[in-house]
């Protein structure tokens, strides 16, 4: 094989804006593959990657299959707009495969080519039958030969490798994520990357009891950076606020107010980063703080929209996605939970916003506590 043809789906529906999305996708592919390919081209209704002579197909496949915007891709042989060359390459490619039956599927985007798709299918089908002694099976073939006739070249391949689809990172707004050390928030971040968002991460922790957690968070961000190319991580100490909450707030409502403070911290960082939305890993009913009533109380603390792409998912679905994107193994590593000791045996599950605000108003120096935590935060950049 001498090249990879990367196909997109949703980008093709963008009308006049299509070139913007295609450019962003080609740039992202170029950055993620780096020197693994010679050149990356756009403007063909697909993205074309020229392979180096020596390439690692397994490594490239693992990278491309996670790049947002890629619907599917194929390792191809590129040949000239000549029917005899198409026949020769087709036989060469199929001669290396083991199969009894086959099907030819031709697409002709260049209507100037002398043969239409149906004629090419018939010519190649007859030629393969005669030369390789194989049978045509249009419904359930052992192998399918794909032939794409474009305006400059013909691309021939036998396999389509599925990507994650969606839109390329950088084609939508930047957002900010409340990144815990669990399974859910990294997956929620990935789903927003798949909608074209670049994600800035915030991890809020108690450094007096969570000394080992930051390496785990770093590993999660490193894995997600392979998908979005570059990342920024804020780690914010929270122990002073926790002490104040334990003194002031009853245990049944403590987790709700704890999360309201987290959201306020993230909102302040969002202002600094000029970000206008945040994402969480919430799923309705998964834990006590994630009932509809409690989520209303928590999200009320945000000045910017709160996005929760996992809101209707089951845990099994989230775990499957975490394994697919590579965050699962780091997410399940044990670490001290900074908020577990704040949860009551019977926490409030149907909190009233007026009650929560009344309790929160009793906390002294709220803005000062938030400001001090942010001033103590550390910032790391990954690429």
Protein backbone atom coordinates (compact mmCIF):
# COMPACT_ATOMS: atom_id res chain seq x y z
CA UNK A 1 0.00 0.00 0.00
CA UNK A 2 1.26 3.52 -0.72
CA UNK A 3 -1.39 5.77 0.82
CA UNK A 4 -4.36 6.06 3.15
CA UNK A 5 -7.66 7.55 2.06
CA UNK A 6 -9.50 9.07 5.03
CA UNK A 7 -13.23 9.53 4.55
CA UNK A 8 -15.50 11.80 6.58
CA UNK A 9 -19.29 11.85 6.75
CA UNK A 10 -20.72 14.76 8.72
CA UNK A 11 -18.23 17.24 7.28
CA UNK A 12 -19.73 16.58 3.86
CA UNK A 13 -23.03 18.16 5.01
CA UNK A 14 -21.50 21.52 5.93
CA UNK A 15 -22.15 23.25 2.60
CA UNK A 16 -20.10 26.42 2.17
CA UNK A 17 -18.29 25.73 5.45
CA UNK A 18 -17.10 22.30 4.32
CA UNK A 19 -13.60 23.51 3.39
CA UNK A 20 -13.08 24.91 6.90
CA UNK A 21 -13.89 21.57 8.54
CA UNK A 22 -11.88 19.61 5.96
CA UNK A 23 -8.85 21.84 6.53
CA UNK A 24 -9.12 21.35 10.30
CA UNK A 25 -9.36 17.58 9.90
CA UNK A 26 -6.34 17.40 7.58
CA UNK A 27 -4.27 19.54 9.98
CA UNK A 28 -5.25 17.31 12.92
CA UNK A 29 -4.33 14.17 11.00
CA UNK A 30 -0.98 15.69 10.01
CA UNK A 31 -0.21 16.56 13.64
CA UNK A 32 -1.28 13.21 15.10
CA UNK A 33 0.56 11.11 12.50
CA UNK A 34 3.64 13.34 12.32
CA UNK A 35 6.56 11.71 10.51
CA UNK A 36 4.63 8.45 10.14
CA UNK A 37 3.42 9.82 6.79
CA UNK A 38 5.11 11.86 4.06
CA UNK A 39 2.31 14.27 3.17
CA UNK A 40 -1.35 14.93 3.92
CA UNK A 41 -3.60 16.42 1.23
CA UNK A 42 -7.15 17.79 1.35
CA UNK A 43 -9.65 18.97 -1.23
CA UNK A 44 -10.65 15.63 -2.77
CA UNK A 45 -13.85 15.06 -0.72
CA UNK A 46 -11.53 12.99 1.46
CA UNK A 47 -8.11 13.42 3.07
CA UNK A 48 -5.17 11.65 1.44
CA UNK A 49 -2.11 10.55 3.41
CA UNK A 50 1.00 9.46 1.54
CA UNK A 51 2.76 6.70 3.47
CA UNK A 52 6.48 6.45 4.06
CA UNK A 53 8.09 3.35 2.56
CA UNK A 54 8.43 1.80 5.99
CA UNK A 55 5.35 2.33 8.12
CA UNK A 56 3.73 0.60 11.08
CA UNK A 57 0.15 -0.17 10.07
CA UNK A 58 -0.88 -1.20 13.59
CA UNK A 59 0.40 2.05 15.09
CA UNK A 60 -1.18 4.26 12.43
CA UNK A 61 -4.49 2.41 12.68
CA UNK A 62 -4.61 2.88 16.45
CA UNK A 63 -4.06 6.64 16.05
CA UNK A 64 -6.42 7.30 13.12
CA UNK A 65 -9.26 5.24 14.57
CA UNK A 66 -9.51 7.78 17.44
CA UNK A 67 -9.21 11.03 15.49
CA UNK A 68 -12.54 12.92 15.67
CA UNK A 69 -13.93 13.63 12.21
CA UNK A 70 -12.69 10.38 10.65
CA UNK A 71 -15.63 8.21 9.56
CA UNK A 72 -13.46 5.45 8.11
CA UNK A 73 -10.12 5.02 6.37
CA UNK A 74 -8.46 2.55 4.04
CA UNK A 75 -4.93 1.54 3.12
CA UNK A 76 -4.86 1.87 -0.68
CA UNK A 77 -2.87 1.50 -3.83
CA UNK A 78 -3.08 4.64 -5.98
CA UNK A 79 -2.98 4.22 -9.74
CA UNK A 80 -3.60 6.17 -12.95
CA UNK A 81 -6.92 6.91 -14.63
CA UNK A 82 -6.46 3.98 -16.99
CA UNK A 83 -8.66 0.87 -17.10
CA UNK A 84 -5.74 -1.43 -17.86
CA UNK A 85 -3.80 -0.12 -14.86
CA UNK A 86 -6.89 -0.53 -12.68
CA UNK A 87 -7.17 -4.16 -13.81
CA UNK A 88 -3.50 -4.83 -13.17
CA UNK A 89 -3.50 -3.35 -9.66
CA UNK A 90 -6.76 -5.11 -8.77
CA UNK A 91 -5.30 -8.50 -9.67
CA UNK A 92 -2.08 -7.69 -7.84
CA UNK A 93 -3.98 -6.75 -4.68
CA UNK A 94 -6.45 -9.65 -4.69
CA UNK A 95 -3.71 -12.13 -5.54
CA UNK A 96 -2.33 -11.65 -2.01
CA UNK A 97 -5.66 -12.51 -0.36
CA UNK A 98 -7.36 -15.82 0.40
CA UNK A 99 -10.99 -15.89 -0.76
CA UNK A 100 -13.47 -17.83 -2.87
CA UNK A 101 -16.02 -15.18 -3.73
CA UNK A 102 -15.76 -11.44 -4.31
CA UNK A 103 -17.62 -8.27 -5.20
CA UNK A 104 -16.41 -5.10 -6.96
CA UNK A 105 -17.76 -1.75 -5.73
CA UNK A 106 -16.77 1.22 -7.85
CA UNK A 107 -17.49 4.90 -7.20
CA UNK A 108 -16.71 7.40 -9.94
CA UNK A 109 -16.53 11.02 -8.76
CA UNK A 110 -14.83 12.06 -12.01
CA UNK A 111 -17.62 11.75 -14.57
CA UNK A 112 -15.16 12.46 -17.39
CA UNK A 113 -13.64 9.03 -17.07
CA UNK A 114 -14.53 6.89 -20.10
CA UNK A 115 -16.26 4.12 -18.12
CA UNK A 116 -19.07 4.57 -15.62
CA UNK A 117 -19.24 2.72 -12.28
CA UNK A 118 -21.42 -0.11 -13.58
CA UNK A 119 -19.12 -0.72 -16.56
CA UNK A 120 -16.01 -0.73 -14.34
CA UNK A 121 -17.67 -3.25 -11.99
CA UNK A 122 -18.44 -5.54 -14.90
CA UNK A 123 -15.01 -5.22 -16.55
CA UNK A 124 -13.14 -5.89 -13.30
CA UNK A 125 -15.50 -8.68 -12.25
CA UNK A 126 -14.99 -10.54 -15.53
CA UNK A 127 -11.22 -9.96 -15.45
CA UNK A 128 -10.88 -11.28 -11.88
CA UNK A 129 -13.01 -14.34 -12.64
CA UNK A 130 -10.86 -15.23 -15.65
CA UNK A 131 -7.46 -14.58 -14.05
CA UNK A 132 -7.98 -15.70 -10.44
CA UNK A 133 -10.73 -18.28 -11.04
CA UNK A 134 -12.96 -16.79 -8.34
CA UNK A 135 -16.75 -16.41 -8.18
CA UNK A 136 -18.80 -13.24 -7.97
CA UNK A 137 -21.12 -12.98 -4.97
CA UNK A 138 -22.93 -9.63 -4.72
CA UNK A 139 -24.80 -10.37 -1.47
CA UNK A 140 -22.26 -12.04 0.81
CA UNK A 141 -18.75 -12.02 -0.71
CA UNK A 142 -15.64 -13.21 1.12
CA UNK A 143 -13.90 -10.02 0.01
CA UNK A 144 -14.98 -6.71 -1.51
CA UNK A 145 -12.78 -4.73 -3.88
CA UNK A 146 -13.37 -0.98 -3.62
CA UNK A 147 -12.40 1.22 -6.57
CA UNK A 148 -12.66 5.00 -6.20
CA UNK A 149 -12.20 6.89 -9.48
CA UNK A 150 -11.35 10.49 -8.61
CA UNK A 151 -10.42 13.53 -10.66
CA UNK A 152 -6.67 12.75 -10.67
CA UNK A 153 -6.18 9.20 -9.44
CA UNK A 154 -7.83 5.86 -8.78
CA UNK A 155 -7.67 4.36 -5.28
CA UNK A 156 -8.07 0.61 -4.85
CA UNK A 157 -8.52 -1.15 -1.49
CA UNK A 158 -10.27 -4.06 0.19
CA UNK A 159 -10.86 -2.92 3.79
CA UNK A 160 -12.62 -0.04 5.51
CA UNK A 161 -11.46 0.70 9.06
CA UNK A 162 -14.05 2.47 11.18
CA UNK A 163 -13.21 5.76 12.88
CA UNK A 164 -15.10 7.69 15.57
CA UNK A 165 -16.80 10.11 13.15
CA UNK A 166 -18.08 13.48 14.30
CA UNK A 167 -16.24 16.75 13.75
CA UNK A 168 -12.51 17.55 13.99
CA UNK A 169 -11.21 19.02 17.24
CA UNK A 170 -10.80 22.77 16.86
CA UNK A 171 -13.81 23.26 14.61
CA UNK A 172 -16.08 24.12 17.58
CA UNK A 173 -15.62 26.23 20.72
CA UNK A 174 -13.18 25.55 23.54
CA UNK A 175 -14.84 24.14 26.67
CA UNK A 176 -13.71 23.31 30.20
CA UNK A 177 -14.04 19.95 31.92
CA UNK A 178 -14.34 19.01 35.56
CA UNK A 179 -11.97 16.04 35.41
CA UNK A 180 -12.20 13.58 38.29
CA UNK A 181 -10.08 10.48 38.61
CA UNK A 182 -13.00 8.24 37.66
CA UNK A 183 -14.31 6.67 34.47
CA UNK A 184 -17.00 9.14 33.46
CA UNK A 185 -15.45 12.59 33.00
CA UNK A 186 -12.69 11.48 30.57
CA UNK A 187 -15.35 9.82 28.41
CA UNK A 188 -17.53 12.94 28.57
CA UNK A 189 -14.51 14.98 27.43
CA UNK A 190 -13.93 12.63 24.51
CA UNK A 191 -17.55 12.95 23.38
CA UNK A 192 -17.19 16.73 23.30
CA UNK A 193 -13.92 16.41 21.37
CA UNK A 194 -15.93 14.37 18.87
CA UNK A 195 -18.19 17.39 18.46
CA UNK A 196 -15.17 19.51 17.52
CA UNK A 197 -14.44 21.02 20.96
CA UNK A 198 -11.00 21.52 22.41
CA UNK A 199 -11.17 20.68 26.13
CA UNK A 200 -9.33 22.43 28.97
CA UNK A 201 -9.18 20.25 32.10
CA UNK A 202 -9.62 21.18 35.76
CA UNK A 203 -8.95 18.71 38.57
CA UNK A 204 -9.91 19.78 42.09
CA UNK A 205 -8.28 17.81 44.90
CA UNK A 206 -7.27 17.74 48.56
CA UNK A 207 -3.47 17.63 48.56
CA UNK A 208 -3.28 16.60 52.21
CA UNK A 209 -4.93 13.23 51.50
CA UNK A 210 -4.48 12.81 47.74
CA UNK A 211 -0.73 13.05 47.19
CA UNK A 212 -0.61 10.31 44.57
CA UNK A 213 -3.64 11.31 42.50
CA UNK A 214 -1.94 13.86 40.24
CA UNK A 215 0.13 11.28 38.36
CA UNK A 216 -3.11 9.45 37.57
CA UNK A 217 -4.71 12.69 36.34
CA UNK A 218 -1.63 13.45 34.24
CA UNK A 219 -1.90 10.02 32.61
CA UNK A 220 -5.57 10.57 31.78
CA UNK A 221 -4.82 13.95 30.20
CA UNK A 222 -1.89 12.48 28.24
CA UNK A 223 -4.21 9.82 26.80
CA UNK A 224 -6.85 12.39 25.87
CA UNK A 225 -4.17 14.63 24.36
CA UNK A 226 -3.47 11.92 21.79
CA UNK A 227 -7.02 12.61 20.58
CA UNK A 228 -7.09 16.42 20.74
CA UNK A 229 -3.34 17.04 20.09
CA UNK A 230 -2.74 19.60 22.85
CA UNK A 231 -4.22 20.06 26.33
CA UNK A 232 -4.07 22.33 29.36
CA UNK A 233 -4.64 21.05 32.90
CA UNK A 234 -5.39 23.08 36.03
CA UNK A 235 -4.96 21.28 39.36
CA UNK A 236 -6.70 23.19 42.14
CA UNK A 237 -6.24 22.48 45.88
CA UNK A 238 -9.55 22.37 47.74
CA UNK A 239 -8.74 21.47 51.36
CA UNK A 240 -9.43 24.93 52.83
CA UNK A 241 -12.90 25.00 51.29
CA UNK A 242 -13.57 21.45 52.47
CA UNK A 243 -12.70 22.37 56.06
CA UNK A 244 -15.14 25.27 55.92
CA UNK A 245 -17.90 23.10 54.48
CA UNK A 246 -17.44 20.45 57.15
CA UNK A 247 -17.75 23.11 59.85
CA UNK A 248 -20.77 24.88 58.35
CA UNK A 249 -22.88 22.47 56.23
CA UNK A 250 -24.90 19.48 57.46
CA UNK A 251 -23.64 16.17 56.04
CA UNK A 252 -26.84 15.46 54.07
CA UNK A 253 -26.36 18.54 51.85
CA UNK A 254 -22.57 18.77 51.96
CA UNK A 255 -21.91 17.03 48.64
CA UNK A 256 -24.29 19.33 46.75
CA UNK A 257 -22.66 22.48 48.11
CA UNK A 258 -19.22 20.94 47.61
CA UNK A 259 -20.01 20.50 43.91
CA UNK A 260 -21.44 24.02 43.68
CA UNK A 261 -18.08 25.35 44.90
CA UNK A 262 -16.28 23.21 42.33
CA UNK A 263 -18.44 24.67 39.58
CA UNK A 264 -17.77 28.20 40.80
CA UNK A 265 -14.02 27.54 40.70
CA UNK A 266 -14.30 26.14 37.17
CA UNK A 267 -16.37 29.17 36.12
CA UNK A 268 -13.61 31.52 37.29
CA UNK A 269 -10.98 29.56 35.35
CA UNK A 270 -13.32 29.59 32.33
CA UNK A 271 -13.42 33.40 32.48
CA UNK A 272 -9.62 33.48 32.46
CA UNK A 273 -9.51 31.09 29.49
CA UNK A 274 -12.39 32.90 27.69
CA UNK A 275 -14.42 29.68 27.68
CA UNK A 276 -18.20 29.78 27.50
CA UNK A 277 -19.31 26.24 28.47
CA UNK A 278 -18.26 23.41 30.77
CA UNK A 279 -18.66 19.64 30.61
CA UNK A 280 -19.21 17.10 33.39
CA UNK A 281 -19.45 13.30 33.56
CA UNK A 282 -22.89 13.34 35.20
CA UNK A 283 -25.40 10.57 34.47
CA UNK A 284 -28.92 10.77 35.88
CA UNK A 285 -29.37 8.69 39.03
CA UNK A 286 -25.88 7.18 39.03
CA UNK A 287 -25.06 8.55 42.50
CA UNK A 288 -27.01 10.57 45.05
CA UNK A 289 -25.72 13.93 43.80
CA UNK A 290 -26.95 13.13 40.28
CA UNK A 291 -30.69 13.05 40.78
CA UNK A 292 -32.57 15.58 38.66
CA UNK A 293 -33.36 17.69 41.74
CA UNK A 294 -29.75 17.72 42.94
CA UNK A 295 -28.32 18.41 39.49
CA UNK A 296 -30.59 21.42 39.25
CA UNK A 297 -29.15 22.73 42.52
CA UNK A 298 -25.57 22.03 41.41
CA UNK A 299 -25.82 23.45 37.88
CA UNK A 300 -27.49 26.61 39.22
CA UNK A 301 -24.06 27.64 40.53
CA UNK A 302 -22.71 28.00 36.99
CA UNK A 303 -22.77 31.21 35.00
CA UNK A 304 -21.97 29.28 31.82
CA UNK A 305 -23.89 26.36 30.24
CA UNK A 306 -23.16 22.96 31.77
CA UNK A 307 -22.99 20.13 29.22
CA UNK A 308 -23.45 16.52 30.33
CA UNK A 309 -23.07 14.21 27.30
CA UNK A 310 -23.37 11.06 29.47
CA UNK A 311 -26.63 12.15 31.08
CA UNK A 312 -28.69 9.26 29.66
CA UNK A 313 -26.05 6.55 29.44
CA UNK A 314 -25.64 3.33 31.41
CA UNK A 315 -22.40 2.62 33.23
CA UNK A 316 -21.63 -0.32 30.92
CA UNK A 317 -21.82 1.99 27.90
CA UNK A 318 -19.40 4.43 29.52
CA UNK A 319 -16.96 1.64 30.43
CA UNK A 320 -17.00 0.38 26.82
CA UNK A 321 -16.14 3.86 25.55
CA UNK A 322 -13.42 4.31 28.17
CA UNK A 323 -11.79 1.08 27.01
CA UNK A 324 -12.06 2.17 23.38
CA UNK A 325 -10.34 5.53 23.92
CA UNK A 326 -7.74 4.12 26.31
CA UNK A 327 -8.65 5.86 29.60
CA UNK A 328 -10.20 2.90 31.41
CA UNK A 329 -7.06 1.35 32.91
CA UNK A 330 -5.92 4.64 34.45
CA UNK A 331 -9.44 5.50 35.61
CA UNK A 332 -9.82 2.31 37.65
CA UNK A 333 -6.52 2.73 39.49
CA UNK A 334 -7.32 3.19 43.22
CA UNK A 335 -6.68 6.57 44.83
CA UNK A 336 -7.95 8.43 47.91
CA UNK A 337 -11.26 10.14 47.12
CA UNK A 338 -11.22 13.72 48.37
CA UNK A 339 -14.98 13.84 48.93
CA UNK A 340 -15.88 10.37 50.20
CA UNK A 341 -15.67 11.45 53.84
CA UNK A 342 -18.07 14.32 53.08
CA UNK A 343 -20.95 12.05 52.05
CA UNK A 344 -23.64 11.25 54.62
CA UNK A 345 -24.99 7.74 55.14
CA UNK A 346 -28.32 9.03 53.81
CA UNK A 347 -27.50 12.02 51.58
CA UNK A 348 -30.17 14.38 50.31
CA UNK A 349 -31.53 13.17 46.97
CA UNK A 350 -34.29 15.74 46.38
CA UNK A 351 -32.72 18.99 47.45
CA UNK A 352 -34.58 22.27 47.10
CA UNK A 353 -32.59 25.10 45.54
CA UNK A 354 -33.86 27.67 48.04
CA UNK A 355 -32.70 25.48 50.93
CA UNK A 356 -29.27 24.88 49.39
CA UNK A 357 -28.75 28.60 48.78
CA UNK A 358 -29.81 29.43 52.32
CA UNK A 359 -27.26 26.95 53.74
CA UNK A 360 -24.55 28.22 51.38
CA UNK A 361 -25.15 31.81 52.47
CA UNK A 362 -24.00 30.87 55.98
CA UNK A 363 -20.49 30.14 54.69
CA UNK A 364 -18.20 33.10 55.32
CA UNK A 365 -15.79 34.53 52.76
CA UNK A 366 -16.97 32.29 49.88
CA UNK A 367 -15.40 34.41 47.15
CA UNK A 368 -12.13 34.69 49.07
CA UNK A 369 -11.93 30.91 49.56
CA UNK A 370 -12.50 30.35 45.84
CA UNK A 371 -9.94 32.99 44.85
CA UNK A 372 -7.28 31.51 47.16
CA UNK A 373 -7.79 28.00 45.76
CA UNK A 374 -7.36 29.26 42.20
CA UNK A 375 -4.25 31.25 43.12
CA UNK A 376 -2.70 28.04 44.50
CA UNK A 377 -3.52 26.06 41.37
CA UNK A 378 -0.86 24.62 39.07
CA UNK A 379 -1.07 24.68 35.27
CA UNK A 380 0.42 22.07 32.97
CA UNK A 381 0.40 21.89 29.19
CA UNK A 382 0.52 18.65 27.19
CA UNK A 383 1.21 18.09 23.49
